[in-house]
Amino acid sequence: METLKIFSGIGLVILCINVILYLIGFFRNEKAYKYFSLYLLAIGVVQLIMKAFALKNQNNHFLSNYYLFSQFILLSFFFYNLFLVVAKKKSVLIIGTSAITIVGLVIQYSLYPDNYFTFNSLGLLITSVILIIYTVLYLYEMLGKKLPFHFVTIGLFIYLISSALIFASATSLVSINDEFYVYIWNTNAILFIIYQLLVFWEWKQRFLPRITHRH
């Protein structure tokens, strides 16, 4: 568990750095950039609050719902705005699919309100799979074009695949031995670090030159 805490802490530190860096250029960049910056901010805030609850040995599972909705909604708008430039038909598909999914989640919580106080693995799995599809569609567009958020999309794809596998096997993970359980979450934490490093690299390669050029 100690290694998991270390990896999680490293990932959170890099995430906080990325939040600051991306917010620097918030008002100077396009809508896709803004939504991605808000996404980083939202998951950063949620993770910090979850960490505070964990330090006090308080149940923080309900906070995963805020992670679920903020990640899905903000990344849906992120990809919607990216596709508006390169493939408008796909942007319509994204906004429609995301709207239907949100309605489905609202119905789920209405029928099973206890989900709010637990780890909604089904909701996290569904939203992760849909976001993976968005990343695959955008990666396909990048094959013949030089598009923004190249490293971000690759990192997001890798991390979401890992998360989806964990959420899909959530019930099975509870019954397996603790050592393997920790190994799975350690792997997820390491992939989150890699993802955040790619987010940083995207900023350094694409957005830092804009800031330095203006000065």
N, C-alpha and C. Protein backbone atom coordinates (compact mmCIF):
# COMPACT_ATOMS: atom_id res chain seq x y z
N MET A 1 0.82 -1.21 0.00
CA MET A 1 0.00 0.00 0.00
C MET A 1 0.85 1.27 0.00
N GLU A 2 2.06 1.16 0.58
CA GLU A 2 2.94 2.33 0.63
C GLU A 2 3.35 2.78 -0.77
N THR A 3 3.67 1.80 -1.64
CA THR A 3 4.05 2.15 -3.01
C THR A 3 2.88 2.80 -3.74
N LEU A 4 1.68 2.31 -3.47
CA LEU A 4 0.49 2.91 -4.10
C LEU A 4 0.33 4.36 -3.68
N LYS A 5 0.56 4.64 -2.41
CA LYS A 5 0.48 6.01 -1.91
C LYS A 5 1.53 6.90 -2.58
N ILE A 6 2.73 6.35 -2.76
CA ILE A 6 3.82 7.11 -3.39
C ILE A 6 3.47 7.43 -4.85
N PHE A 7 3.06 6.39 -5.60
CA PHE A 7 2.69 6.59 -7.01
C PHE A 7 1.52 7.56 -7.15
N SER A 8 0.52 7.41 -6.27
CA SER A 8 -0.64 8.30 -6.32
C SER A 8 -0.23 9.74 -6.01
N GLY A 9 0.69 9.87 -5.05
CA GLY A 9 1.17 11.21 -4.69
C GLY A 9 1.94 11.87 -5.83
N ILE A 10 2.78 11.09 -6.50
CA ILE A 10 3.54 11.61 -7.65
C ILE A 10 2.60 12.04 -8.76
N GLY A 11 1.61 11.19 -9.05
CA GLY A 11 0.62 11.53 -10.09
C GLY A 11 -0.13 12.79 -9.76
N LEU A 12 -0.51 12.95 -8.49
CA LEU A 12 -1.26 14.14 -8.06
C LEU A 12 -0.42 15.40 -8.17
N VAL A 13 0.87 15.29 -7.83
CA VAL A 13 1.77 16.45 -7.93
C VAL A 13 1.91 16.90 -9.39
N ILE A 14 2.13 15.94 -10.29
CA ILE A 14 2.27 16.28 -11.73
C ILE A 14 0.97 16.86 -12.26
N LEU A 15 -0.17 16.29 -11.82
CA LEU A 15 -1.47 16.82 -12.22
C LEU A 15 -1.63 18.27 -11.78
N CYS A 16 -1.26 18.58 -10.54
CA CYS A 16 -1.38 19.96 -10.03
C CYS A 16 -0.49 20.92 -10.83
N ILE A 17 0.70 20.45 -11.20
CA ILE A 17 1.60 21.27 -12.03
C ILE A 17 0.94 21.54 -13.38
N ASN A 18 0.36 20.50 -13.97
CA ASN A 18 -0.31 20.64 -15.28
C ASN A 18 -1.49 21.60 -15.20
N VAL A 19 -2.23 21.53 -14.10
CA VAL A 19 -3.37 22.45 -13.91
C VAL A 19 -2.89 23.90 -13.98
N ILE A 20 -1.82 24.19 -13.25
CA ILE A 20 -1.27 25.55 -13.23
C ILE A 20 -0.79 25.97 -14.63
N LEU A 21 -0.05 25.08 -15.29
CA LEU A 21 0.50 25.39 -16.62
C LEU A 21 -0.60 25.64 -17.64
N TYR A 22 -1.62 24.79 -17.65
CA TYR A 22 -2.69 24.93 -18.64
C TYR A 22 -3.57 26.13 -18.35
N LEU A 23 -3.73 26.48 -17.08
CA LEU A 23 -4.55 27.65 -16.74
C LEU A 23 -3.86 28.96 -17.14
N ILE A 24 -2.52 28.92 -17.27
CA ILE A 24 -1.78 30.11 -17.68
C ILE A 24 -2.28 30.61 -19.04
N GLY A 25 -2.52 29.68 -19.96
CA GLY A 25 -2.96 30.07 -21.30
C GLY A 25 -4.45 29.92 -21.53
N PHE A 26 -5.22 29.87 -20.44
CA PHE A 26 -6.65 29.56 -20.54
C PHE A 26 -7.39 30.50 -21.49
N PHE A 27 -7.20 31.81 -21.33
CA PHE A 27 -7.97 32.78 -22.10
C PHE A 27 -7.39 33.04 -23.49
N ARG A 28 -6.19 32.50 -23.77
CA ARG A 28 -5.54 32.78 -25.05
C ARG A 28 -5.79 31.68 -26.09
N ASN A 29 -6.39 30.57 -25.65
CA ASN A 29 -6.52 29.42 -26.55
C ASN A 29 -7.96 29.08 -26.87
N GLU A 30 -8.12 28.11 -27.79
CA GLU A 30 -9.43 27.73 -28.30
C GLU A 30 -10.25 26.99 -27.25
N LYS A 31 -11.52 26.72 -27.60
CA LYS A 31 -12.45 26.10 -26.65
C LYS A 31 -11.98 24.72 -26.20
N ALA A 32 -11.43 23.93 -27.12
CA ALA A 32 -10.96 22.59 -26.74
C ALA A 32 -9.92 22.68 -25.62
N TYR A 33 -9.01 23.62 -25.74
CA TYR A 33 -7.99 23.85 -24.72
C TYR A 33 -8.65 24.22 -23.39
N LYS A 34 -9.64 25.10 -23.45
CA LYS A 34 -10.33 25.54 -22.24
C LYS A 34 -11.01 24.37 -21.53
N TYR A 35 -11.71 23.53 -22.29
CA TYR A 35 -12.41 22.39 -21.68
C TYR A 35 -11.41 21.40 -21.09
N PHE A 36 -10.29 21.20 -21.77
CA PHE A 36 -9.29 20.28 -21.23
C PHE A 36 -8.67 20.85 -19.96
N SER A 37 -8.45 22.15 -19.93
CA SER A 37 -7.91 22.80 -18.73
C SER A 37 -8.89 22.66 -17.56
N LEU A 38 -10.18 22.85 -17.83
CA LEU A 38 -11.20 22.71 -16.79
C LEU A 38 -11.29 21.26 -16.30
N TYR A 39 -11.10 20.33 -17.22
CA TYR A 39 -11.09 18.91 -16.85
C TYR A 39 -9.94 18.62 -15.89
N LEU A 40 -8.74 19.11 -16.21
CA LEU A 40 -7.59 18.92 -15.32
C LEU A 40 -7.86 19.53 -13.96
N LEU A 41 -8.43 20.74 -13.96
CA LEU A 41 -8.74 21.42 -12.70
C LEU A 41 -9.75 20.62 -11.88
N ALA A 42 -10.80 20.14 -12.54
CA ALA A 42 -11.87 19.41 -11.85
C ALA A 42 -11.36 18.13 -11.21
N ILE A 43 -10.61 17.31 -11.99
CA ILE A 43 -10.14 16.04 -11.41
C ILE A 43 -9.06 16.30 -10.37
N GLY A 44 -8.33 17.40 -10.52
CA GLY A 44 -7.33 17.77 -9.52
C GLY A 44 -7.98 18.11 -8.20
N VAL A 45 -9.04 18.90 -8.24
CA VAL A 45 -9.76 19.29 -7.03
C VAL A 45 -10.38 18.06 -6.37
N VAL A 46 -11.02 17.21 -7.17
CA VAL A 46 -11.65 16.00 -6.63
C VAL A 46 -10.60 15.09 -5.97
N GLN A 47 -9.47 14.92 -6.62
CA GLN A 47 -8.44 14.05 -6.06
C GLN A 47 -7.84 14.61 -4.78
N LEU A 48 -7.69 15.93 -4.70
CA LEU A 48 -7.18 16.55 -3.48
C LEU A 48 -8.15 16.36 -2.32
N ILE A 49 -9.45 16.51 -2.61
CA ILE A 49 -10.47 16.31 -1.57
C ILE A 49 -10.50 14.84 -1.14
N MET A 50 -10.40 13.93 -2.11
CA MET A 50 -10.37 12.51 -1.79
C MET A 50 -9.16 12.17 -0.91
N LYS A 51 -8.03 12.80 -1.22
CA LYS A 51 -6.81 12.58 -0.43
C LYS A 51 -7.01 13.07 1.00
N ALA A 52 -7.68 14.22 1.16
CA ALA A 52 -7.95 14.78 2.49
C ALA A 52 -8.85 13.85 3.30
N PHE A 53 -9.87 13.29 2.64
CA PHE A 53 -10.76 12.34 3.31
C PHE A 53 -10.00 11.09 3.73
N ALA A 54 -9.13 10.61 2.84
CA ALA A 54 -8.38 9.39 3.11
C ALA A 54 -7.43 9.58 4.30
N LEU A 55 -6.82 10.76 4.40
CA LEU A 55 -5.91 11.05 5.51
C LEU A 55 -6.64 11.04 6.85
N LYS A 56 -7.93 11.37 6.81
CA LYS A 56 -8.76 11.36 8.03
C LYS A 56 -9.47 10.02 8.23
N ASN A 57 -9.12 9.04 7.36
CA ASN A 57 -9.75 7.72 7.40
C ASN A 57 -11.26 7.78 7.24
N GLN A 58 -11.73 8.71 6.41
CA GLN A 58 -13.15 8.84 6.13
C GLN A 58 -13.47 8.28 4.75
N ASN A 59 -14.66 7.74 4.61
CA ASN A 59 -15.09 7.17 3.33
C ASN A 59 -15.17 8.26 2.27
N ASN A 60 -14.46 8.04 1.17
CA ASN A 60 -14.46 9.06 0.10
C ASN A 60 -15.03 8.52 -1.22
N HIS A 61 -15.71 7.36 -1.17
CA HIS A 61 -16.22 6.74 -2.38
C HIS A 61 -17.24 7.62 -3.11
N PHE A 62 -18.03 8.40 -2.34
CA PHE A 62 -19.04 9.25 -2.98
C PHE A 62 -18.41 10.30 -3.89
N LEU A 63 -17.16 10.66 -3.61
CA LEU A 63 -16.48 11.67 -4.43
C LEU A 63 -16.17 11.16 -5.83
N SER A 64 -16.14 9.83 -5.99
CA SER A 64 -15.89 9.25 -7.32
C SER A 64 -16.99 9.63 -8.31
N ASN A 65 -18.19 9.94 -7.79
CA ASN A 65 -19.29 10.36 -8.66
C ASN A 65 -18.98 11.71 -9.32
N TYR A 66 -18.36 12.60 -8.55
CA TYR A 66 -17.98 13.91 -9.09
C TYR A 66 -16.86 13.74 -10.11
N TYR A 67 -15.97 12.79 -9.85
CA TYR A 67 -14.91 12.47 -10.81
C TYR A 67 -15.52 11.95 -12.09
N LEU A 68 -16.47 11.04 -11.95
CA LEU A 68 -17.14 10.43 -13.11
C LEU A 68 -17.78 11.48 -14.01
N PHE A 69 -18.62 12.33 -13.41
CA PHE A 69 -19.37 13.31 -14.21
C PHE A 69 -18.47 14.41 -14.76
N SER A 70 -17.54 14.91 -13.95
CA SER A 70 -16.68 16.00 -14.43
C SER A 70 -15.78 15.51 -15.55
N GLN A 71 -15.22 14.30 -15.41
CA GLN A 71 -14.36 13.75 -16.45
C GLN A 71 -15.13 13.53 -17.74
N PHE A 72 -16.29 12.90 -17.63
CA PHE A 72 -17.04 12.56 -18.84
C PHE A 72 -17.58 13.79 -19.55
N ILE A 73 -18.18 14.71 -18.82
CA ILE A 73 -18.78 15.90 -19.43
C ILE A 73 -17.72 16.79 -20.06
N LEU A 74 -16.67 17.09 -19.32
CA LEU A 74 -15.65 18.02 -19.82
C LEU A 74 -14.84 17.43 -20.97
N LEU A 75 -14.52 16.13 -20.91
CA LEU A 75 -13.80 15.51 -22.02
C LEU A 75 -14.70 15.33 -23.25
N SER A 76 -15.99 15.16 -23.03
CA SER A 76 -16.92 15.09 -24.16
C SER A 76 -16.94 16.42 -24.91
N PHE A 77 -16.99 17.52 -24.17
CA PHE A 77 -16.94 18.84 -24.80
C PHE A 77 -15.58 19.09 -25.44
N PHE A 78 -14.54 18.58 -24.81
CA PHE A 78 -13.18 18.68 -25.36
C PHE A 78 -13.11 18.04 -26.74
N PHE A 79 -13.57 16.79 -26.85
CA PHE A 79 -13.53 16.10 -28.14
C PHE A 79 -14.54 16.68 -29.13
N TYR A 80 -15.67 17.12 -28.63
CA TYR A 80 -16.66 17.76 -29.50
C TYR A 80 -16.04 18.96 -30.23
N ASN A 81 -15.32 19.78 -29.50
CA ASN A 81 -14.70 20.97 -30.10
C ASN A 81 -13.52 20.61 -31.00
N LEU A 82 -12.80 19.54 -30.67
CA LEU A 82 -11.73 19.09 -31.56
C LEU A 82 -12.29 18.62 -32.90
N PHE A 83 -13.38 17.86 -32.86
CA PHE A 83 -13.97 17.32 -34.08
C PHE A 83 -14.73 18.37 -34.88
N LEU A 84 -15.12 19.46 -34.24
CA LEU A 84 -15.77 20.54 -34.98
C LEU A 84 -14.87 21.07 -36.09
N VAL A 85 -13.57 21.00 -35.86
CA VAL A 85 -12.59 21.52 -36.82
C VAL A 85 -12.26 20.50 -37.91
N VAL A 86 -12.19 19.21 -37.54
CA VAL A 86 -11.69 18.20 -38.48
C VAL A 86 -12.78 17.29 -39.06
N ALA A 87 -13.88 17.07 -38.31
CA ALA A 87 -14.94 16.17 -38.78
C ALA A 87 -16.24 16.51 -38.07
N LYS A 88 -17.03 17.41 -38.66
CA LYS A 88 -18.22 17.92 -37.98
C LYS A 88 -19.27 16.84 -37.71
N LYS A 89 -19.38 15.85 -38.61
CA LYS A 89 -20.36 14.78 -38.41
C LYS A 89 -20.04 13.99 -37.13
N LYS A 90 -18.76 13.80 -36.89
CA LYS A 90 -18.36 13.07 -35.68
C LYS A 90 -18.61 13.91 -34.43
N SER A 91 -18.52 15.22 -34.56
CA SER A 91 -18.80 16.08 -33.40
C SER A 91 -20.27 15.97 -33.00
N VAL A 92 -21.15 15.84 -33.99
CA VAL A 92 -22.59 15.66 -33.72
C VAL A 92 -22.81 14.31 -33.03
N LEU A 93 -22.10 13.28 -33.50
CA LEU A 93 -22.19 11.95 -32.91
C LEU A 93 -21.75 11.98 -31.45
N ILE A 94 -20.69 12.72 -31.19
CA ILE A 94 -20.15 12.80 -29.83
C ILE A 94 -21.12 13.49 -28.89
N ILE A 95 -21.67 14.61 -29.31
CA ILE A 95 -22.56 15.36 -28.41
C ILE A 95 -23.84 14.57 -28.16
N GLY A 96 -24.32 13.84 -29.19
CA GLY A 96 -25.53 13.03 -29.04
C GLY A 96 -25.29 11.84 -28.11
N THR A 97 -24.18 11.14 -28.33
CA THR A 97 -23.84 9.98 -27.50
C THR A 97 -23.63 10.39 -26.04
N SER A 98 -22.95 11.49 -25.83
CA SER A 98 -22.67 11.96 -24.47
C SER A 98 -23.96 12.37 -23.76
N ALA A 99 -24.87 13.04 -24.49
CA ALA A 99 -26.14 13.46 -23.90
C ALA A 99 -26.97 12.25 -23.46
N ILE A 100 -27.04 11.25 -24.33
CA ILE A 100 -27.79 10.02 -24.01
C ILE A 100 -27.17 9.32 -22.80
N THR A 101 -25.85 9.30 -22.74
CA THR A 101 -25.16 8.66 -21.62
C THR A 101 -25.44 9.38 -20.31
N ILE A 102 -25.42 10.71 -20.34
CA ILE A 102 -25.70 11.49 -19.13
C ILE A 102 -27.13 11.23 -18.64
N VAL A 103 -28.07 11.20 -19.58
CA VAL A 103 -29.47 10.90 -19.22
C VAL A 103 -29.56 9.51 -18.60
N GLY A 104 -28.84 8.54 -19.19
CA GLY A 104 -28.82 7.18 -18.66
C GLY A 104 -28.26 7.13 -17.24
N LEU A 105 -27.20 7.90 -16.99
CA LEU A 105 -26.60 7.93 -15.65
C LEU A 105 -27.55 8.56 -14.63
N VAL A 106 -28.24 9.62 -15.05
CA VAL A 106 -29.21 10.27 -14.17
C VAL A 106 -30.33 9.29 -13.79
N ILE A 107 -30.80 8.52 -14.78
CA ILE A 107 -31.82 7.51 -14.52
C ILE A 107 -31.30 6.44 -13.56
N GLN A 108 -30.04 6.02 -13.79
CA GLN A 108 -29.43 5.02 -12.91
C GLN A 108 -29.41 5.50 -11.47
N TYR A 109 -28.98 6.75 -11.26
CA TYR A 109 -28.91 7.29 -9.90
C TYR A 109 -30.30 7.50 -9.31
N SER A 110 -31.28 7.79 -10.17
CA SER A 110 -32.66 7.97 -9.69
C SER A 110 -33.25 6.64 -9.21
N LEU A 111 -32.94 5.56 -9.96
CA LEU A 111 -33.46 4.24 -9.61
C LEU A 111 -32.67 3.61 -8.45
N TYR A 112 -31.38 3.90 -8.42
CA TYR A 112 -30.51 3.32 -7.38
C TYR A 112 -29.73 4.44 -6.68
N PRO A 113 -30.40 5.23 -5.84
CA PRO A 113 -29.73 6.38 -5.18
C PRO A 113 -28.55 5.99 -4.30
N ASP A 114 -28.52 4.72 -3.87
CA ASP A 114 -27.39 4.27 -3.04
C ASP A 114 -26.07 4.30 -3.80
N ASN A 115 -26.14 4.35 -5.14
CA ASN A 115 -24.92 4.42 -5.95
C ASN A 115 -24.09 5.66 -5.63
N TYR A 116 -24.78 6.69 -5.16
CA TYR A 116 -24.07 7.94 -4.84
C TYR A 116 -23.06 7.74 -3.72
N PHE A 117 -23.37 6.82 -2.80
CA PHE A 117 -22.52 6.63 -1.63
C PHE A 117 -21.49 5.50 -1.82
N THR A 118 -21.47 4.94 -3.03
CA THR A 118 -20.53 3.85 -3.30
C THR A 118 -19.67 4.18 -4.52
N PHE A 119 -18.85 3.22 -4.90
CA PHE A 119 -18.00 3.33 -6.08
C PHE A 119 -18.78 2.79 -7.27
N ASN A 120 -19.30 3.69 -8.11
CA ASN A 120 -20.16 3.29 -9.24
C ASN A 120 -19.31 2.73 -10.38
N SER A 121 -18.91 1.47 -10.25
CA SER A 121 -18.00 0.87 -11.23
C SER A 121 -18.65 0.76 -12.61
N LEU A 122 -19.97 0.50 -12.65
CA LEU A 122 -20.66 0.40 -13.94
C LEU A 122 -20.66 1.74 -14.67
N GLY A 123 -20.99 2.80 -13.96
CA GLY A 123 -20.99 4.14 -14.57
C GLY A 123 -19.62 4.55 -15.05
N LEU A 124 -18.60 4.26 -14.23
CA LEU A 124 -17.23 4.60 -14.61
C LEU A 124 -16.76 3.77 -15.80
N LEU A 125 -17.18 2.50 -15.84
CA LEU A 125 -16.82 1.63 -16.97
C LEU A 125 -17.43 2.14 -18.27
N ILE A 126 -18.73 2.43 -18.25
CA ILE A 126 -19.44 2.89 -19.46
C ILE A 126 -18.85 4.19 -19.98
N THR A 127 -18.65 5.16 -19.10
CA THR A 127 -18.12 6.45 -19.53
C THR A 127 -16.67 6.31 -20.03
N SER A 128 -15.89 5.44 -19.39
CA SER A 128 -14.51 5.23 -19.83
C SER A 128 -14.47 4.62 -21.23
N VAL A 129 -15.34 3.63 -21.48
CA VAL A 129 -15.38 2.98 -22.80
C VAL A 129 -15.78 3.98 -23.88
N ILE A 130 -16.75 4.83 -23.58
CA ILE A 130 -17.19 5.84 -24.56
C ILE A 130 -16.06 6.83 -24.84
N LEU A 131 -15.36 7.25 -23.81
CA LEU A 131 -14.23 8.17 -24.00
C LEU A 131 -13.10 7.51 -24.77
N ILE A 132 -12.90 6.21 -24.56
CA ILE A 132 -11.89 5.48 -25.33
C ILE A 132 -12.25 5.51 -26.82
N ILE A 133 -13.53 5.34 -27.12
CA ILE A 133 -13.99 5.40 -28.52
C ILE A 133 -13.70 6.78 -29.11
N TYR A 134 -13.93 7.82 -28.33
CA TYR A 134 -13.62 9.19 -28.80
C TYR A 134 -12.13 9.34 -29.12
N THR A 135 -11.28 8.79 -28.23
CA THR A 135 -9.84 8.90 -28.47
C THR A 135 -9.42 8.13 -29.72
N VAL A 136 -10.03 6.96 -29.93
CA VAL A 136 -9.71 6.16 -31.12
C VAL A 136 -10.12 6.91 -32.38
N LEU A 137 -11.29 7.53 -32.38
CA LEU A 137 -11.76 8.30 -33.53
C LEU A 137 -10.81 9.47 -33.83
N TYR A 138 -10.33 10.11 -32.76
CA TYR A 138 -9.42 11.24 -32.96
C TYR A 138 -8.05 10.77 -33.41
N LEU A 139 -7.59 9.65 -32.87
CA LEU A 139 -6.30 9.09 -33.30
C LEU A 139 -6.35 8.72 -34.78
N TYR A 140 -7.50 8.24 -35.23
CA TYR A 140 -7.68 7.91 -36.65
C TYR A 140 -7.56 9.17 -37.51
N GLU A 141 -8.14 10.27 -37.04
CA GLU A 141 -8.05 11.54 -37.77
C GLU A 141 -6.61 12.04 -37.84
N MET A 142 -5.82 11.69 -36.83
CA MET A 142 -4.43 12.17 -36.77
C MET A 142 -3.50 11.43 -37.73
N LEU A 143 -3.97 10.32 -38.29
CA LEU A 143 -3.12 9.53 -39.18
C LEU A 143 -2.65 10.33 -40.39
N GLY A 144 -3.53 11.17 -40.92
CA GLY A 144 -3.14 11.92 -42.11
C GLY A 144 -3.04 13.41 -41.91
N LYS A 145 -3.18 13.85 -40.65
CA LYS A 145 -3.16 15.28 -40.37
C LYS A 145 -2.33 15.57 -39.12
N LYS A 146 -1.78 16.76 -39.09
CA LYS A 146 -1.06 17.19 -37.89
C LYS A 146 -2.04 17.98 -37.03
N LEU A 147 -2.53 17.33 -35.98
CA LEU A 147 -3.59 17.92 -35.16
C LEU A 147 -3.10 18.18 -33.73
N PRO A 148 -3.74 19.12 -33.04
CA PRO A 148 -3.35 19.41 -31.65
C PRO A 148 -3.76 18.28 -30.70
N PHE A 149 -3.17 18.30 -29.53
CA PHE A 149 -3.46 17.34 -28.46
C PHE A 149 -3.13 15.89 -28.86
N HIS A 150 -2.06 15.77 -29.61
CA HIS A 150 -1.58 14.45 -30.05
C HIS A 150 -1.15 13.61 -28.85
N PHE A 151 -0.26 14.15 -28.02
CA PHE A 151 0.25 13.41 -26.87
C PHE A 151 -0.83 13.22 -25.81
N VAL A 152 -1.68 14.21 -25.63
CA VAL A 152 -2.78 14.11 -24.67
C VAL A 152 -3.69 12.94 -25.03
N THR A 153 -4.05 12.83 -26.30
CA THR A 153 -4.96 11.77 -26.74
C THR A 153 -4.35 10.39 -26.55
N ILE A 154 -3.08 10.25 -26.87
CA ILE A 154 -2.40 8.96 -26.67
C ILE A 154 -2.37 8.59 -25.19
N GLY A 155 -2.00 9.57 -24.35
CA GLY A 155 -1.95 9.33 -22.91
C GLY A 155 -3.31 8.99 -22.33
N LEU A 156 -4.32 9.70 -22.79
CA LEU A 156 -5.69 9.46 -22.33
C LEU A 156 -6.16 8.06 -22.72
N PHE A 157 -5.83 7.66 -23.94
CA PHE A 157 -6.20 6.33 -24.43
C PHE A 157 -5.59 5.24 -23.54
N ILE A 158 -4.30 5.35 -23.27
CA ILE A 158 -3.60 4.35 -22.45
C ILE A 158 -4.21 4.29 -21.04
N TYR A 159 -4.41 5.46 -20.44
CA TYR A 159 -4.92 5.49 -19.06
C TYR A 159 -6.35 4.99 -18.97
N LEU A 160 -7.20 5.37 -19.94
CA LEU A 160 -8.60 4.95 -19.90
C LEU A 160 -8.75 3.45 -20.12
N ILE A 161 -7.88 2.86 -20.95
CA ILE A 161 -7.90 1.41 -21.14
C ILE A 161 -7.65 0.71 -19.81
N SER A 162 -6.65 1.18 -19.09
CA SER A 162 -6.33 0.60 -17.78
C SER A 162 -7.49 0.76 -16.81
N SER A 163 -8.06 1.96 -16.75
CA SER A 163 -9.17 2.23 -15.84
C SER A 163 -10.38 1.37 -16.18
N ALA A 164 -10.68 1.26 -17.48
CA ALA A 164 -11.84 0.47 -17.92
C ALA A 164 -11.70 -0.99 -17.50
N LEU A 165 -10.49 -1.54 -17.63
CA LEU A 165 -10.26 -2.92 -17.23
C LEU A 165 -10.46 -3.12 -15.73
N ILE A 166 -10.04 -2.11 -14.94
CA ILE A 166 -10.22 -2.18 -13.49
C ILE A 166 -11.70 -2.11 -13.13
N PHE A 167 -12.42 -1.16 -13.75
CA PHE A 167 -13.85 -1.01 -13.45
C PHE A 167 -14.65 -2.23 -13.90
N ALA A 168 -14.23 -2.84 -15.01
CA ALA A 168 -14.93 -4.01 -15.54
C ALA A 168 -14.78 -5.21 -14.61
N SER A 169 -13.64 -5.27 -13.91
CA SER A 169 -13.38 -6.42 -13.04
C SER A 169 -13.44 -6.04 -11.56
N ALA A 170 -14.16 -4.96 -11.26
CA ALA A 170 -14.20 -4.44 -9.88
C ALA A 170 -14.68 -5.47 -8.88
N THR A 171 -15.74 -6.19 -9.22
CA THR A 171 -16.27 -7.19 -8.29
C THR A 171 -15.30 -8.35 -8.11
N SER A 172 -14.59 -8.72 -9.18
CA SER A 172 -13.62 -9.82 -9.10
C SER A 172 -12.41 -9.42 -8.26
N LEU A 173 -12.01 -8.14 -8.36
CA LEU A 173 -10.83 -7.67 -7.63
C LEU A 173 -11.01 -7.76 -6.12
N VAL A 174 -12.27 -7.63 -5.69
CA VAL A 174 -12.54 -7.67 -4.26
C VAL A 174 -12.22 -9.05 -3.68
N SER A 175 -12.45 -10.08 -4.51
CA SER A 175 -12.31 -11.46 -4.02
C SER A 175 -10.90 -12.03 -4.18
N ILE A 176 -10.04 -11.36 -4.94
CA ILE A 176 -8.69 -11.88 -5.13
C ILE A 176 -7.77 -11.46 -3.99
N ASN A 177 -6.57 -12.01 -3.97
CA ASN A 177 -5.67 -11.70 -2.85
C ASN A 177 -5.21 -10.25 -2.89
N ASP A 178 -4.88 -9.74 -1.71
CA ASP A 178 -4.54 -8.33 -1.54
C ASP A 178 -3.32 -7.92 -2.37
N GLU A 179 -2.36 -8.82 -2.51
CA GLU A 179 -1.12 -8.50 -3.24
C GLU A 179 -1.42 -8.17 -4.70
N PHE A 180 -2.25 -8.99 -5.32
CA PHE A 180 -2.61 -8.76 -6.73
C PHE A 180 -3.47 -7.51 -6.86
N TYR A 181 -4.35 -7.29 -5.90
CA TYR A 181 -5.21 -6.10 -5.88
C TYR A 181 -4.36 -4.82 -5.88
N VAL A 182 -3.35 -4.81 -5.01
CA VAL A 182 -2.45 -3.64 -4.92
C VAL A 182 -1.65 -3.50 -6.21
N TYR A 183 -1.22 -4.63 -6.79
CA TYR A 183 -0.47 -4.60 -8.05
C TYR A 183 -1.29 -3.93 -9.16
N ILE A 184 -2.57 -4.28 -9.24
CA ILE A 184 -3.45 -3.71 -10.27
C ILE A 184 -3.56 -2.19 -10.10
N TRP A 185 -3.77 -1.76 -8.86
CA TRP A 185 -3.92 -0.32 -8.63
C TRP A 185 -2.59 0.42 -8.78
N ASN A 186 -1.47 -0.24 -8.46
CA ASN A 186 -0.15 0.36 -8.70
C ASN A 186 0.07 0.60 -10.19
N THR A 187 -0.32 -0.39 -10.99
CA THR A 187 -0.20 -0.25 -12.45
C THR A 187 -1.03 0.92 -12.95
N ASN A 188 -2.24 1.04 -12.44
CA ASN A 188 -3.12 2.14 -12.83
C ASN A 188 -2.51 3.49 -12.44
N ALA A 189 -1.92 3.55 -11.24
CA ALA A 189 -1.30 4.79 -10.76
C ALA A 189 -0.09 5.17 -11.61
N ILE A 190 0.69 4.17 -12.02
CA ILE A 190 1.86 4.42 -12.88
C ILE A 190 1.41 4.94 -14.25
N LEU A 191 0.36 4.34 -14.80
CA LEU A 191 -0.16 4.79 -16.10
C LEU A 191 -0.73 6.20 -16.00
N PHE A 192 -1.28 6.56 -14.84
CA PHE A 192 -1.76 7.93 -14.65
C PHE A 192 -0.59 8.90 -14.66
N ILE A 193 0.54 8.49 -14.07
CA ILE A 193 1.75 9.33 -14.10
C ILE A 193 2.22 9.52 -15.54
N ILE A 194 2.25 8.43 -16.31
CA ILE A 194 2.66 8.51 -17.72
C ILE A 194 1.72 9.44 -18.48
N TYR A 195 0.42 9.29 -18.23
CA TYR A 195 -0.57 10.15 -18.87
C TYR A 195 -0.32 11.63 -18.56
N GLN A 196 -0.08 11.93 -17.30
CA GLN A 196 0.15 13.32 -16.90
C GLN A 196 1.46 13.86 -17.46
N LEU A 197 2.45 13.00 -17.61
CA LEU A 197 3.72 13.42 -18.23
C LEU A 197 3.51 13.75 -19.71
N LEU A 198 2.65 12.99 -20.38
CA LEU A 198 2.32 13.28 -21.78
C LEU A 198 1.51 14.58 -21.90
N VAL A 199 0.67 14.82 -20.91
CA VAL A 199 -0.08 16.09 -20.86
C VAL A 199 0.90 17.25 -20.72
N PHE A 200 1.88 17.08 -19.85
CA PHE A 200 2.91 18.10 -19.68
C PHE A 200 3.69 18.29 -20.97
N TRP A 201 4.07 17.19 -21.63
CA TRP A 201 4.85 17.26 -22.87
C TRP A 201 4.06 17.98 -23.96
N GLU A 202 2.77 17.74 -24.02
CA GLU A 202 1.91 18.45 -24.98
C GLU A 202 1.99 19.95 -24.76
N TRP A 203 1.91 20.35 -23.50
CA TRP A 203 1.97 21.78 -23.17
C TRP A 203 3.34 22.35 -23.56
N LYS A 204 4.39 21.62 -23.23
CA LYS A 204 5.76 22.09 -23.52
C LYS A 204 6.00 22.23 -25.02
N GLN A 205 5.54 21.24 -25.79
CA GLN A 205 5.81 21.22 -27.23
C GLN A 205 4.92 22.19 -28.01
N ARG A 206 3.67 22.31 -27.60
CA ARG A 206 2.72 23.06 -28.43
C ARG A 206 2.35 24.44 -27.86
N PHE A 207 2.19 24.52 -26.53
CA PHE A 207 1.65 25.75 -25.96
C PHE A 207 2.69 26.65 -25.31
N LEU A 208 3.79 26.09 -24.83
CA LEU A 208 4.86 26.92 -24.27
C LEU A 208 5.45 27.86 -25.31
N PRO A 209 5.71 27.38 -26.56
CA PRO A 209 6.25 28.30 -27.57
C PRO A 209 5.33 29.49 -27.84
N ARG A 210 4.03 29.31 -27.75
CA ARG A 210 3.09 30.41 -27.95
C ARG A 210 3.26 31.48 -26.88
N ILE A 211 3.43 31.02 -25.62
CA ILE A 211 3.58 31.94 -24.50
C ILE A 211 4.89 32.71 -24.62
N THR A 212 5.99 31.99 -24.90
CA THR A 212 7.30 32.64 -25.00
C THR A 212 7.37 33.56 -26.21
N HIS A 213 6.68 33.18 -27.29
CA HIS A 213 6.67 34.00 -28.51
C HIS A 213 5.97 35.34 -28.26
N ARG A 214 4.89 35.30 -27.46
CA ARG A 214 4.15 36.53 -27.19
C ARG A 214 4.96 37.49 -26.33
N HIS A 215 5.87 36.92 -25.51
CA HIS A 215 6.69 37.76 -24.65
C HIS A 215 7.97 38.19 -25.36
